[in-house]
Amino acid sequence: MTKQDIENIVAQGIANAIPIFVAAIKSPNEPQHIIPSKHTIEDNFSNSINGGNDHINHDNESQHTPRPKKRKAATPGCTFKEFLACKPAEFAGNEGATATLRWLEKTEAVIAISKCAEEDQVMYASNLFKEGALEWWNTVLQAKGRRVAYAMTWEEFKNLVERKFCPEYEKEQMANKFLNHRMTGVDCRGYTSTFFEYARVVPNLASPE
């Protein structure tokens, strides 16, 4: 098999996997048994190289078939100590747009794992701020008042954090890099890793086309 043949197979594998990846980016709150991980996408690339397209379709169908077992509803709520026991990351505010979105994702996961009550989510998450982020949050508390600020929904809090720490100029830079992103040779892992990073910041540009 020639190098050109391999690159053609890899390109086809990417075309097949991108719709799955886009669904994951645009539906971050879907259960994990439905939305594939980055590793799943990379595995699909590898299977495409080995000529395993039929196997990929079969595996994806089998992953979508099982349904989670119903569990008894638990009373939501946890103490801040229990929240911290899940080891959420602190946030300084100087890490850049990609790191900001990654922090929000990880904190949201901790909220789910700890079964944090809705009325405590903003208070607990904002107590992870430090340095510049903490200084900014203190101005928010002064402007809105503590009661109003802590009464925000999680989505409102996320949007506020994104507007502050994911500036438009950085999104524009990332969008330009995203549009010019190309795979070099057969480096599927490097391509998908960078694709995933860019798509976090500019999900509106992530499409099968």
N, C-alpha and C. Protein backbone atom coordinates (compact mmCIF):
# COMPACT_ATOMS: atom_id res chain seq x y z
N MET A 1 0.85 -1.19 0.00
CA MET A 1 0.00 0.00 0.00
C MET A 1 0.89 1.25 0.00
N THR A 2 0.60 2.21 -0.89
CA THR A 2 1.41 3.41 -0.98
C THR A 2 1.03 4.43 0.08
N LYS A 3 1.90 5.41 0.25
CA LYS A 3 1.63 6.48 1.22
C LYS A 3 0.36 7.22 0.86
N GLN A 4 0.12 7.42 -0.45
CA GLN A 4 -1.08 8.12 -0.89
C GLN A 4 -2.33 7.33 -0.54
N ASP A 5 -2.25 5.99 -0.68
CA ASP A 5 -3.39 5.14 -0.32
C ASP A 5 -3.73 5.29 1.15
N ILE A 6 -2.67 5.29 1.99
CA ILE A 6 -2.88 5.42 3.44
C ILE A 6 -3.52 6.76 3.77
N GLU A 7 -3.02 7.85 3.15
CA GLU A 7 -3.57 9.17 3.43
C GLU A 7 -5.02 9.26 2.99
N ASN A 8 -5.37 8.61 1.87
CA ASN A 8 -6.76 8.62 1.40
C ASN A 8 -7.67 7.91 2.39
N ILE A 9 -7.19 6.77 2.93
CA ILE A 9 -7.99 6.01 3.90
C ILE A 9 -8.18 6.83 5.17
N VAL A 10 -7.10 7.49 5.62
CA VAL A 10 -7.18 8.31 6.83
C VAL A 10 -8.16 9.46 6.63
N ALA A 11 -8.11 10.12 5.46
CA ALA A 11 -9.02 11.22 5.18
C ALA A 11 -10.47 10.77 5.23
N GLN A 12 -10.74 9.56 4.70
CA GLN A 12 -12.10 9.02 4.74
C GLN A 12 -12.52 8.75 6.18
N GLY A 13 -11.57 8.25 6.98
CA GLY A 13 -11.88 8.00 8.38
C GLY A 13 -12.25 9.27 9.11
N ILE A 14 -11.54 10.35 8.81
CA ILE A 14 -11.85 11.64 9.43
C ILE A 14 -13.23 12.12 9.02
N ALA A 15 -13.55 11.99 7.73
CA ALA A 15 -14.86 12.42 7.24
C ALA A 15 -15.98 11.66 7.93
N ASN A 16 -15.75 10.37 8.19
CA ASN A 16 -16.77 9.55 8.86
C ASN A 16 -16.93 9.93 10.33
N ALA A 17 -15.83 10.35 10.97
CA ALA A 17 -15.86 10.59 12.41
C ALA A 17 -16.28 12.00 12.79
N ILE A 18 -16.08 12.97 11.91
CA ILE A 18 -16.38 14.36 12.26
C ILE A 18 -17.84 14.58 12.67
N PRO A 19 -18.85 13.99 11.96
CA PRO A 19 -20.24 14.19 12.42
C PRO A 19 -20.45 13.73 13.85
N ILE A 20 -19.79 12.62 14.25
CA ILE A 20 -19.92 12.13 15.62
C ILE A 20 -19.30 13.14 16.58
N PHE A 21 -18.14 13.66 16.20
CA PHE A 21 -17.45 14.61 17.06
C PHE A 21 -18.24 15.90 17.21
N VAL A 22 -18.85 16.38 16.09
CA VAL A 22 -19.64 17.61 16.12
C VAL A 22 -20.82 17.46 17.06
N ALA A 23 -21.44 16.27 17.04
CA ALA A 23 -22.56 16.02 17.94
C ALA A 23 -22.12 16.14 19.39
N ALA A 24 -20.90 15.67 19.68
CA ALA A 24 -20.38 15.75 21.05
C ALA A 24 -20.13 17.19 21.46
N ILE A 25 -19.61 18.02 20.55
CA ILE A 25 -19.33 19.41 20.85
C ILE A 25 -20.62 20.20 21.07
N LYS A 26 -21.64 19.94 20.21
CA LYS A 26 -22.86 20.72 20.27
C LYS A 26 -23.85 20.20 21.29
N SER A 27 -23.60 19.03 21.86
CA SER A 27 -24.50 18.47 22.88
C SER A 27 -23.69 18.04 24.08
N PRO A 28 -23.01 19.00 24.77
CA PRO A 28 -22.12 18.64 25.88
C PRO A 28 -22.82 18.02 27.07
N ASN A 29 -24.16 18.23 27.17
CA ASN A 29 -24.87 17.72 28.34
C ASN A 29 -25.48 16.36 28.13
N GLU A 30 -25.26 15.74 26.94
CA GLU A 30 -25.79 14.40 26.69
C GLU A 30 -25.06 13.38 27.54
N PRO A 31 -25.73 12.28 27.94
CA PRO A 31 -25.07 11.23 28.72
C PRO A 31 -23.87 10.67 27.99
N GLN A 32 -22.88 10.23 28.75
CA GLN A 32 -21.62 9.77 28.17
C GLN A 32 -21.79 8.49 27.36
N HIS A 33 -22.86 7.69 27.63
CA HIS A 33 -23.00 6.46 26.86
C HIS A 33 -23.49 6.75 25.46
N ILE A 34 -23.93 8.04 25.21
CA ILE A 34 -24.40 8.40 23.88
C ILE A 34 -23.34 9.18 23.14
N ILE A 35 -22.72 10.13 23.81
CA ILE A 35 -21.72 10.98 23.17
C ILE A 35 -20.35 10.33 23.27
N PRO A 36 -19.70 10.05 22.14
CA PRO A 36 -18.39 9.38 22.18
C PRO A 36 -17.30 10.32 22.64
N SER A 37 -16.28 9.76 23.23
CA SER A 37 -15.14 10.55 23.69
C SER A 37 -14.15 10.75 22.56
N LYS A 38 -13.15 11.59 22.85
CA LYS A 38 -12.11 11.82 21.84
C LYS A 38 -11.40 10.52 21.52
N HIS A 39 -11.22 9.65 22.51
CA HIS A 39 -10.55 8.38 22.28
C HIS A 39 -11.38 7.49 21.36
N THR A 40 -12.70 7.58 21.48
CA THR A 40 -13.54 6.79 20.59
C THR A 40 -13.36 7.24 19.16
N ILE A 41 -13.28 8.58 18.97
CA ILE A 41 -13.09 9.10 17.62
C ILE A 41 -11.76 8.64 17.06
N GLU A 42 -10.71 8.67 17.90
CA GLU A 42 -9.40 8.23 17.43
C GLU A 42 -9.43 6.75 17.08
N ASP A 43 -10.15 5.95 17.86
CA ASP A 43 -10.27 4.53 17.56
C ASP A 43 -10.96 4.32 16.23
N ASN A 44 -11.97 5.16 15.95
CA ASN A 44 -12.66 5.04 14.67
C ASN A 44 -11.71 5.32 13.52
N PHE A 45 -10.77 6.32 13.70
CA PHE A 45 -9.78 6.59 12.67
C PHE A 45 -8.92 5.36 12.42
N SER A 46 -8.45 4.77 13.54
CA SER A 46 -7.58 3.61 13.43
C SER A 46 -8.28 2.46 12.74
N ASN A 47 -9.54 2.24 13.08
CA ASN A 47 -10.29 1.15 12.45
C ASN A 47 -10.49 1.40 10.97
N SER A 48 -10.64 2.71 10.59
CA SER A 48 -10.80 3.02 9.18
C SER A 48 -9.54 2.66 8.40
N ILE A 49 -8.37 2.91 9.01
CA ILE A 49 -7.11 2.58 8.35
C ILE A 49 -7.01 1.08 8.12
N ASN A 50 -7.52 0.32 9.07
CA ASN A 50 -7.46 -1.14 8.97
C ASN A 50 -8.59 -1.73 8.15
N GLY A 51 -9.38 -0.85 7.53
CA GLY A 51 -10.46 -1.37 6.71
C GLY A 51 -11.63 -1.88 7.52
N GLY A 52 -11.84 -1.32 8.73
CA GLY A 52 -12.88 -1.85 9.60
C GLY A 52 -14.11 -0.97 9.65
N ASN A 53 -14.58 -0.41 8.52
CA ASN A 53 -15.73 0.47 8.54
C ASN A 53 -16.99 -0.23 8.99
N ASP A 54 -17.18 -1.48 8.55
CA ASP A 54 -18.38 -2.22 8.96
C ASP A 54 -18.37 -2.46 10.45
N HIS A 55 -17.18 -2.74 10.99
CA HIS A 55 -17.04 -2.99 12.42
C HIS A 55 -17.34 -1.73 13.22
N ILE A 56 -16.94 -0.56 12.66
CA ILE A 56 -17.21 0.71 13.33
C ILE A 56 -18.70 0.92 13.46
N ASN A 57 -19.44 0.73 12.36
CA ASN A 57 -20.87 0.93 12.40
C ASN A 57 -21.53 0.01 13.40
N HIS A 58 -21.06 -1.24 13.43
CA HIS A 58 -21.63 -2.21 14.35
C HIS A 58 -21.36 -1.81 15.79
N ASP A 59 -20.13 -1.32 16.05
CA ASP A 59 -19.78 -0.93 17.41
C ASP A 59 -20.59 0.28 17.86
N ASN A 60 -20.76 1.26 16.93
CA ASN A 60 -21.50 2.46 17.29
C ASN A 60 -22.95 2.13 17.61
N GLU A 61 -23.54 1.20 16.83
CA GLU A 61 -24.92 0.80 17.09
C GLU A 61 -25.04 0.13 18.44
N SER A 62 -24.05 -0.71 18.76
CA SER A 62 -24.11 -1.42 20.03
C SER A 62 -23.93 -0.46 21.20
N GLN A 63 -23.16 0.64 20.97
CA GLN A 63 -22.97 1.62 22.03
C GLN A 63 -24.24 2.42 22.28
N HIS A 64 -25.05 2.60 21.23
CA HIS A 64 -26.26 3.39 21.37
C HIS A 64 -27.42 2.57 21.89
N THR A 65 -27.35 1.27 21.78
CA THR A 65 -28.48 0.42 22.15
C THR A 65 -28.73 0.35 23.64
N PRO A 66 -27.70 0.08 24.48
CA PRO A 66 -27.97 -0.08 25.91
C PRO A 66 -28.54 1.19 26.53
N ARG A 67 -29.44 1.02 27.44
CA ARG A 67 -30.00 2.15 28.16
C ARG A 67 -29.62 2.05 29.63
N PRO A 68 -29.35 3.18 30.24
CA PRO A 68 -28.93 3.12 31.65
C PRO A 68 -30.07 2.62 32.53
N LYS A 69 -29.69 1.89 33.57
CA LYS A 69 -30.69 1.40 34.51
C LYS A 69 -31.24 2.57 35.33
N LYS A 70 -32.53 2.51 35.56
CA LYS A 70 -33.15 3.56 36.36
C LYS A 70 -32.73 3.43 37.82
N ARG A 71 -32.39 4.57 38.39
CA ARG A 71 -32.00 4.58 39.79
C ARG A 71 -33.04 5.36 40.60
N LYS A 72 -33.11 5.04 41.84
CA LYS A 72 -34.02 5.76 42.71
C LYS A 72 -33.55 7.20 42.85
N ALA A 73 -34.50 8.10 42.74
CA ALA A 73 -34.17 9.53 42.84
C ALA A 73 -33.60 9.85 44.22
N ALA A 74 -32.46 10.53 44.20
CA ALA A 74 -31.83 10.92 45.46
C ALA A 74 -32.08 12.39 45.73
N THR A 75 -32.13 12.75 46.96
CA THR A 75 -32.34 14.15 47.32
C THR A 75 -31.08 14.93 46.98
N PRO A 76 -31.18 15.95 46.09
CA PRO A 76 -29.99 16.69 45.69
C PRO A 76 -29.44 17.53 46.83
N GLY A 77 -28.17 17.80 46.75
CA GLY A 77 -27.57 18.67 47.75
C GLY A 77 -26.33 18.05 48.36
N CYS A 78 -25.34 18.90 48.60
CA CYS A 78 -24.11 18.45 49.26
C CYS A 78 -23.52 19.64 50.00
N THR A 79 -22.69 19.37 50.96
CA THR A 79 -22.00 20.44 51.66
C THR A 79 -20.81 20.89 50.82
N PHE A 80 -20.25 22.06 51.13
CA PHE A 80 -19.09 22.54 50.40
C PHE A 80 -17.91 21.60 50.62
N LYS A 81 -17.82 21.01 51.79
CA LYS A 81 -16.75 20.06 52.08
C LYS A 81 -16.87 18.84 51.18
N GLU A 82 -18.09 18.36 50.98
CA GLU A 82 -18.30 17.21 50.08
C GLU A 82 -18.00 17.59 48.64
N PHE A 83 -18.32 18.82 48.28
CA PHE A 83 -18.01 19.33 46.94
C PHE A 83 -16.51 19.35 46.72
N LEU A 84 -15.76 19.85 47.70
CA LEU A 84 -14.30 19.91 47.58
C LEU A 84 -13.67 18.52 47.59
N ALA A 85 -14.36 17.55 48.20
CA ALA A 85 -13.83 16.19 48.24
C ALA A 85 -13.72 15.59 46.84
N CYS A 86 -14.47 16.14 45.89
CA CYS A 86 -14.40 15.68 44.50
C CYS A 86 -13.24 16.33 43.75
N LYS A 87 -12.46 17.15 44.45
CA LYS A 87 -11.24 17.77 43.94
C LYS A 87 -11.45 18.63 42.69
N PRO A 88 -12.33 19.62 42.77
CA PRO A 88 -12.49 20.55 41.65
C PRO A 88 -11.25 21.43 41.52
N ALA A 89 -10.95 21.86 40.31
CA ALA A 89 -9.76 22.69 40.07
C ALA A 89 -10.05 24.15 40.37
N GLU A 90 -9.03 24.86 40.85
CA GLU A 90 -9.15 26.30 41.06
C GLU A 90 -8.99 27.00 39.71
N PHE A 91 -9.37 28.27 39.66
CA PHE A 91 -9.32 29.02 38.40
C PHE A 91 -8.81 30.42 38.68
N ALA A 92 -7.72 30.79 37.99
CA ALA A 92 -7.10 32.10 38.21
C ALA A 92 -7.55 33.15 37.22
N GLY A 93 -8.03 32.71 36.04
CA GLY A 93 -8.53 33.65 35.05
C GLY A 93 -7.53 34.09 34.01
N ASN A 94 -6.28 33.61 34.12
CA ASN A 94 -5.25 34.01 33.15
C ASN A 94 -4.80 32.84 32.28
N GLU A 95 -5.61 31.79 32.24
CA GLU A 95 -5.19 30.57 31.54
C GLU A 95 -5.54 30.55 30.05
N GLY A 96 -6.39 31.46 29.59
CA GLY A 96 -6.77 31.48 28.19
C GLY A 96 -8.15 30.88 27.97
N ALA A 97 -8.68 31.08 26.75
CA ALA A 97 -10.05 30.67 26.44
C ALA A 97 -10.24 29.17 26.55
N THR A 98 -9.32 28.40 25.98
CA THR A 98 -9.46 26.94 26.00
C THR A 98 -9.46 26.41 27.42
N ALA A 99 -8.55 26.90 28.24
CA ALA A 99 -8.47 26.44 29.63
C ALA A 99 -9.71 26.87 30.42
N THR A 100 -10.26 28.04 30.09
CA THR A 100 -11.47 28.50 30.76
C THR A 100 -12.63 27.56 30.49
N LEU A 101 -12.82 27.19 29.23
CA LEU A 101 -13.92 26.28 28.88
C LEU A 101 -13.70 24.90 29.48
N ARG A 102 -12.43 24.48 29.51
CA ARG A 102 -12.13 23.17 30.13
C ARG A 102 -12.44 23.21 31.63
N TRP A 103 -12.13 24.33 32.29
CA TRP A 103 -12.43 24.46 33.72
C TRP A 103 -13.94 24.40 33.97
N LEU A 104 -14.70 25.07 33.13
CA LEU A 104 -16.16 25.04 33.27
C LEU A 104 -16.69 23.63 33.10
N GLU A 105 -16.15 22.89 32.12
CA GLU A 105 -16.59 21.51 31.89
C GLU A 105 -16.29 20.63 33.10
N LYS A 106 -15.07 20.76 33.62
CA LYS A 106 -14.68 19.93 34.76
C LYS A 106 -15.48 20.29 36.02
N THR A 107 -15.71 21.58 36.22
CA THR A 107 -16.50 21.99 37.38
C THR A 107 -17.93 21.50 37.26
N GLU A 108 -18.46 21.53 36.06
CA GLU A 108 -19.82 21.02 35.83
C GLU A 108 -19.89 19.53 36.13
N ALA A 109 -18.83 18.81 35.81
CA ALA A 109 -18.78 17.38 36.11
C ALA A 109 -18.76 17.15 37.62
N VAL A 110 -18.00 17.98 38.34
CA VAL A 110 -17.95 17.86 39.81
C VAL A 110 -19.32 18.16 40.41
N ILE A 111 -20.01 19.14 39.86
CA ILE A 111 -21.36 19.47 40.33
C ILE A 111 -22.28 18.27 40.20
N ALA A 112 -22.16 17.57 39.07
CA ALA A 112 -23.00 16.39 38.85
C ALA A 112 -22.63 15.25 39.79
N ILE A 113 -21.33 15.01 39.94
CA ILE A 113 -20.87 13.90 40.78
C ILE A 113 -21.23 14.12 42.25
N SER A 114 -21.08 15.35 42.70
CA SER A 114 -21.34 15.66 44.11
C SER A 114 -22.83 15.86 44.40
N LYS A 115 -23.64 15.86 43.33
CA LYS A 115 -25.08 16.11 43.46
C LYS A 115 -25.35 17.46 44.13
N CYS A 116 -24.60 18.44 43.69
CA CYS A 116 -24.73 19.79 44.24
C CYS A 116 -26.10 20.37 43.91
N ALA A 117 -26.78 20.93 44.89
CA ALA A 117 -28.10 21.53 44.68
C ALA A 117 -27.98 22.75 43.77
N GLU A 118 -29.01 23.01 42.98
CA GLU A 118 -28.98 24.12 42.03
C GLU A 118 -28.68 25.45 42.72
N GLU A 119 -29.27 25.65 43.89
CA GLU A 119 -29.08 26.94 44.57
C GLU A 119 -27.67 27.12 45.13
N ASP A 120 -26.87 26.06 45.15
CA ASP A 120 -25.49 26.15 45.67
C ASP A 120 -24.44 26.14 44.57
N GLN A 121 -24.82 25.87 43.34
CA GLN A 121 -23.84 25.65 42.27
C GLN A 121 -22.95 26.87 42.02
N VAL A 122 -23.55 28.04 41.90
CA VAL A 122 -22.76 29.25 41.63
C VAL A 122 -21.88 29.60 42.82
N MET A 123 -22.42 29.48 44.02
CA MET A 123 -21.64 29.80 45.22
C MET A 123 -20.43 28.88 45.35
N TYR A 124 -20.63 27.59 45.17
CA TYR A 124 -19.53 26.63 45.30
C TYR A 124 -18.49 26.83 44.21
N ALA A 125 -18.95 26.99 42.96
CA ALA A 125 -18.02 27.14 41.84
C ALA A 125 -17.21 28.43 41.96
N SER A 126 -17.86 29.52 42.36
CA SER A 126 -17.15 30.80 42.45
C SER A 126 -16.13 30.81 43.59
N ASN A 127 -16.29 29.92 44.54
CA ASN A 127 -15.30 29.81 45.62
C ASN A 127 -14.04 29.09 45.16
N LEU A 128 -14.00 28.67 43.90
CA LEU A 128 -12.80 28.08 43.32
C LEU A 128 -11.94 29.15 42.64
N PHE A 129 -12.46 30.38 42.56
CA PHE A 129 -11.71 31.47 41.95
C PHE A 129 -10.54 31.89 42.83
N LYS A 130 -9.48 32.33 42.17
CA LYS A 130 -8.33 32.89 42.87
C LYS A 130 -7.70 33.97 41.99
N GLU A 131 -6.83 34.75 42.57
CA GLU A 131 -6.07 35.79 41.85
C GLU A 131 -7.00 36.69 41.03
N GLY A 132 -6.73 36.84 39.74
CA GLY A 132 -7.52 37.75 38.91
C GLY A 132 -8.99 37.39 38.83
N ALA A 133 -9.27 36.10 38.78
CA ALA A 133 -10.67 35.66 38.70
C ALA A 133 -11.43 36.04 39.98
N LEU A 134 -10.76 35.91 41.12
CA LEU A 134 -11.40 36.26 42.38
C LEU A 134 -11.64 37.76 42.47
N GLU A 135 -10.69 38.55 42.01
CA GLU A 135 -10.86 40.01 42.01
C GLU A 135 -12.05 40.40 41.14
N TRP A 136 -12.14 39.77 39.97
CA TRP A 136 -13.27 40.05 39.08
C TRP A 136 -14.59 39.65 39.73
N TRP A 137 -14.63 38.49 40.36
CA TRP A 137 -15.87 38.01 40.96
C TRP A 137 -16.31 38.93 42.11
N ASN A 138 -15.37 39.48 42.84
CA ASN A 138 -15.72 40.41 43.91
C ASN A 138 -16.41 41.66 43.36
N THR A 139 -15.99 42.10 42.17
CA THR A 139 -16.66 43.25 41.55
C THR A 139 -18.07 42.87 41.11
N VAL A 140 -18.25 41.62 40.67
CA VAL A 140 -19.59 41.15 40.29
C VAL A 140 -20.50 41.15 41.52
N LEU A 141 -19.97 40.67 42.64
CA LEU A 141 -20.76 40.63 43.87
C LEU A 141 -21.16 42.04 44.32
N GLN A 142 -20.24 42.99 44.16
CA GLN A 142 -20.53 44.37 44.55
C GLN A 142 -21.58 44.98 43.64
N ALA A 143 -21.50 44.67 42.34
CA ALA A 143 -22.43 45.26 41.37
C ALA A 143 -23.82 44.64 41.47
N LYS A 144 -23.89 43.34 41.58
CA LYS A 144 -25.17 42.64 41.60
C LYS A 144 -25.75 42.46 43.00
N GLY A 145 -24.86 42.38 43.98
CA GLY A 145 -25.29 42.01 45.32
C GLY A 145 -25.15 40.50 45.46
N ARG A 146 -24.78 40.04 46.64
CA ARG A 146 -24.52 38.62 46.84
C ARG A 146 -25.76 37.76 46.56
N ARG A 147 -26.91 38.21 47.04
CA ARG A 147 -28.11 37.40 46.87
C ARG A 147 -28.44 37.19 45.40
N VAL A 148 -28.37 38.25 44.61
CA VAL A 148 -28.67 38.15 43.17
C VAL A 148 -27.61 37.34 42.45
N ALA A 149 -26.34 37.58 42.78
CA ALA A 149 -25.24 36.88 42.11
C ALA A 149 -25.32 35.38 42.35
N TYR A 150 -25.53 34.98 43.59
CA TYR A 150 -25.57 33.56 43.91
C TYR A 150 -26.87 32.90 43.48
N ALA A 151 -27.87 33.72 43.13
CA ALA A 151 -29.14 33.17 42.64
C ALA A 151 -29.12 32.90 41.14
N MET A 152 -28.01 33.25 40.47
CA MET A 152 -27.90 32.97 39.04
C MET A 152 -27.98 31.47 38.78
N THR A 153 -28.50 31.11 37.61
CA THR A 153 -28.47 29.70 37.21
C THR A 153 -27.06 29.35 36.77
N TRP A 154 -26.77 28.07 36.64
CA TRP A 154 -25.45 27.65 36.19
C TRP A 154 -25.15 28.16 34.79
N GLU A 155 -26.15 28.14 33.90
CA GLU A 155 -25.95 28.61 32.54
C GLU A 155 -25.63 30.10 32.52
N GLU A 156 -26.31 30.88 33.35
CA GLU A 156 -26.03 32.32 33.43
C GLU A 156 -24.62 32.56 33.95
N PHE A 157 -24.21 31.78 34.91
CA PHE A 157 -22.86 31.89 35.46
C PHE A 157 -21.82 31.54 34.39
N LYS A 158 -22.04 30.46 33.67
CA LYS A 158 -21.12 30.04 32.60
C LYS A 158 -20.98 31.14 31.56
N ASN A 159 -22.10 31.70 31.12
CA ASN A 159 -22.06 32.76 30.11
C ASN A 159 -21.28 33.97 30.62
N LEU A 160 -21.45 34.30 31.89
CA LEU A 160 -20.74 35.43 32.48
C LEU A 160 -19.23 35.18 32.49
N VAL A 161 -18.83 33.98 32.86
CA VAL A 161 -17.41 33.61 32.90
C VAL A 161 -16.82 33.60 31.49
N GLU A 162 -17.57 33.05 30.54
CA GLU A 162 -17.07 32.99 29.16
C GLU A 162 -16.89 34.39 28.58
N ARG A 163 -17.84 35.26 28.83
CA ARG A 163 -17.72 36.63 28.29
C ARG A 163 -16.50 37.34 28.84
N LYS A 164 -16.16 37.04 30.11
CA LYS A 164 -15.02 37.71 30.73
C LYS A 164 -13.69 37.09 30.32
N PHE A 165 -13.61 35.77 30.33
CA PHE A 165 -12.31 35.11 30.17
C PHE A 165 -12.12 34.42 28.81
N CYS A 166 -13.10 34.55 27.91
CA CYS A 166 -12.94 34.07 26.53
C CYS A 166 -13.17 35.27 25.61
N PRO A 167 -12.23 36.21 25.56
CA PRO A 167 -12.42 37.43 24.79
C PRO A 167 -12.60 37.16 23.30
N GLU A 168 -13.30 38.08 22.63
CA GLU A 168 -13.61 37.90 21.21
C GLU A 168 -12.36 37.82 20.36
N TYR A 169 -11.34 38.62 20.68
CA TYR A 169 -10.13 38.59 19.85
C TYR A 169 -9.47 37.22 19.89
N GLU A 170 -9.54 36.56 21.07
CA GLU A 170 -8.94 35.23 21.17
C GLU A 170 -9.78 34.21 20.40
N LYS A 171 -11.10 34.39 20.42
CA LYS A 171 -11.97 33.51 19.65
C LYS A 171 -11.71 33.66 18.15
N GLU A 172 -11.47 34.91 17.71
CA GLU A 172 -11.19 35.16 16.30
C GLU A 172 -9.87 34.51 15.89
N GLN A 173 -8.87 34.61 16.76
CA GLN A 173 -7.59 33.96 16.46
C GLN A 173 -7.75 32.45 16.36
N MET A 174 -8.53 31.89 17.29
CA MET A 174 -8.75 30.46 17.29
C MET A 174 -9.56 30.04 16.06
N ALA A 175 -10.51 30.88 15.64
CA ALA A 175 -11.32 30.57 14.46
C ALA A 175 -10.44 30.51 13.22
N ASN A 176 -9.50 31.44 13.09
CA ASN A 176 -8.59 31.44 11.94
C ASN A 176 -7.73 30.18 11.93
N LYS A 177 -7.24 29.79 13.11
CA LYS A 177 -6.44 28.57 13.19
C LYS A 177 -7.28 27.35 12.85
N PHE A 178 -8.52 27.37 13.32
CA PHE A 178 -9.43 26.24 13.08
C PHE A 178 -9.69 26.08 11.58
N LEU A 179 -9.96 27.19 10.89
CA LEU A 179 -10.28 27.13 9.47
C LEU A 179 -9.08 26.69 8.64
N ASN A 180 -7.87 26.94 9.14
CA ASN A 180 -6.66 26.56 8.41
C ASN A 180 -6.05 25.26 8.92
N HIS A 181 -6.77 24.60 9.82
CA HIS A 181 -6.24 23.36 10.42
C HIS A 181 -6.27 22.23 9.40
N ARG A 182 -5.14 21.60 9.17
CA ARG A 182 -5.03 20.49 8.22
C ARG A 182 -4.24 19.35 8.86
N MET A 183 -4.54 18.15 8.44
CA MET A 183 -3.80 17.01 8.96
C MET A 183 -2.51 16.83 8.17
N THR A 184 -1.42 16.58 8.88
CA THR A 184 -0.13 16.34 8.25
C THR A 184 0.15 14.85 8.22
N GLY A 185 0.29 14.30 7.01
CA GLY A 185 0.55 12.86 6.89
C GLY A 185 -0.59 12.04 7.45
N VAL A 186 -0.27 11.12 8.36
CA VAL A 186 -1.29 10.24 8.94
C VAL A 186 -1.36 10.43 10.46
N ASP A 187 -1.06 11.63 10.92
CA ASP A 187 -1.07 11.92 12.36
C ASP A 187 -2.50 12.18 12.83
N CYS A 188 -3.28 11.11 12.97
CA CYS A 188 -4.69 11.23 13.38
C CYS A 188 -4.81 11.78 14.79
N ARG A 189 -3.98 11.29 15.69
CA ARG A 189 -4.07 11.71 17.09
C ARG A 189 -3.82 13.21 17.24
N GLY A 190 -2.77 13.70 16.59
CA GLY A 190 -2.47 15.12 16.68
C GLY A 190 -3.55 15.97 16.05
N TYR A 191 -4.09 15.50 14.92
CA TYR A 191 -5.15 16.25 14.24
C TYR A 191 -6.40 16.37 15.10
N THR A 192 -6.86 15.23 15.64
CA THR A 192 -8.10 15.24 16.43
C THR A 192 -7.93 16.01 17.73
N SER A 193 -6.75 15.93 18.34
CA SER A 193 -6.51 16.65 19.59
C SER A 193 -6.63 18.16 19.37
N THR A 194 -6.01 18.65 18.29
CA THR A 194 -6.06 20.07 17.99
C THR A 194 -7.46 20.48 17.55
N PHE A 195 -8.11 19.62 16.76
CA PHE A 195 -9.48 19.88 16.32
C PHE A 195 -10.40 20.06 17.53
N PHE A 196 -10.25 19.15 18.50
CA PHE A 196 -11.07 19.18 19.71
C PHE A 196 -10.85 20.48 20.48
N GLU A 197 -9.60 20.91 20.56
CA GLU A 197 -9.26 22.14 21.29
C GLU A 197 -9.87 23.36 20.62
N TYR A 198 -9.73 23.46 19.28
CA TYR A 198 -10.28 24.60 18.56
C TYR A 198 -11.81 24.62 18.64
N ALA A 199 -12.42 23.44 18.47
CA ALA A 199 -13.88 23.36 18.43
C ALA A 199 -14.52 23.75 19.75
N ARG A 200 -13.81 23.60 20.84
CA ARG A 200 -14.33 24.04 22.13
C ARG A 200 -14.58 25.54 22.12
N VAL A 201 -13.68 26.29 21.52
CA VAL A 201 -13.75 27.75 21.54
C VAL A 201 -14.70 28.27 20.47
N VAL A 202 -14.71 27.64 19.30
CA VAL A 202 -15.57 28.09 18.19
C VAL A 202 -16.45 26.94 17.71
N PRO A 203 -17.38 26.45 18.54
CA PRO A 203 -18.21 25.30 18.15
C PRO A 203 -19.09 25.58 16.95
N ASN A 204 -19.39 26.87 16.68
CA ASN A 204 -20.23 27.20 15.54
C ASN A 204 -19.55 26.89 14.21
N LEU A 205 -18.22 26.76 14.22
CA LEU A 205 -17.49 26.44 12.99
C LEU A 205 -17.31 24.94 12.81
N ALA A 206 -17.64 24.16 13.83
CA ALA A 206 -17.47 22.71 13.74
C ALA A 206 -18.68 22.10 13.06
N SER A 207 -18.50 21.64 11.84
CA SER A 207 -19.58 21.01 11.09
C SER A 207 -18.99 19.95 10.18
N PRO A 208 -19.81 18.98 9.74
CA PRO A 208 -19.30 17.93 8.85
C PRO A 208 -18.73 18.48 7.57
N GLU A 209 -19.23 19.64 7.13
CA GLU A 209 -18.73 20.22 5.89
C GLU A 209 -17.36 20.82 6.09
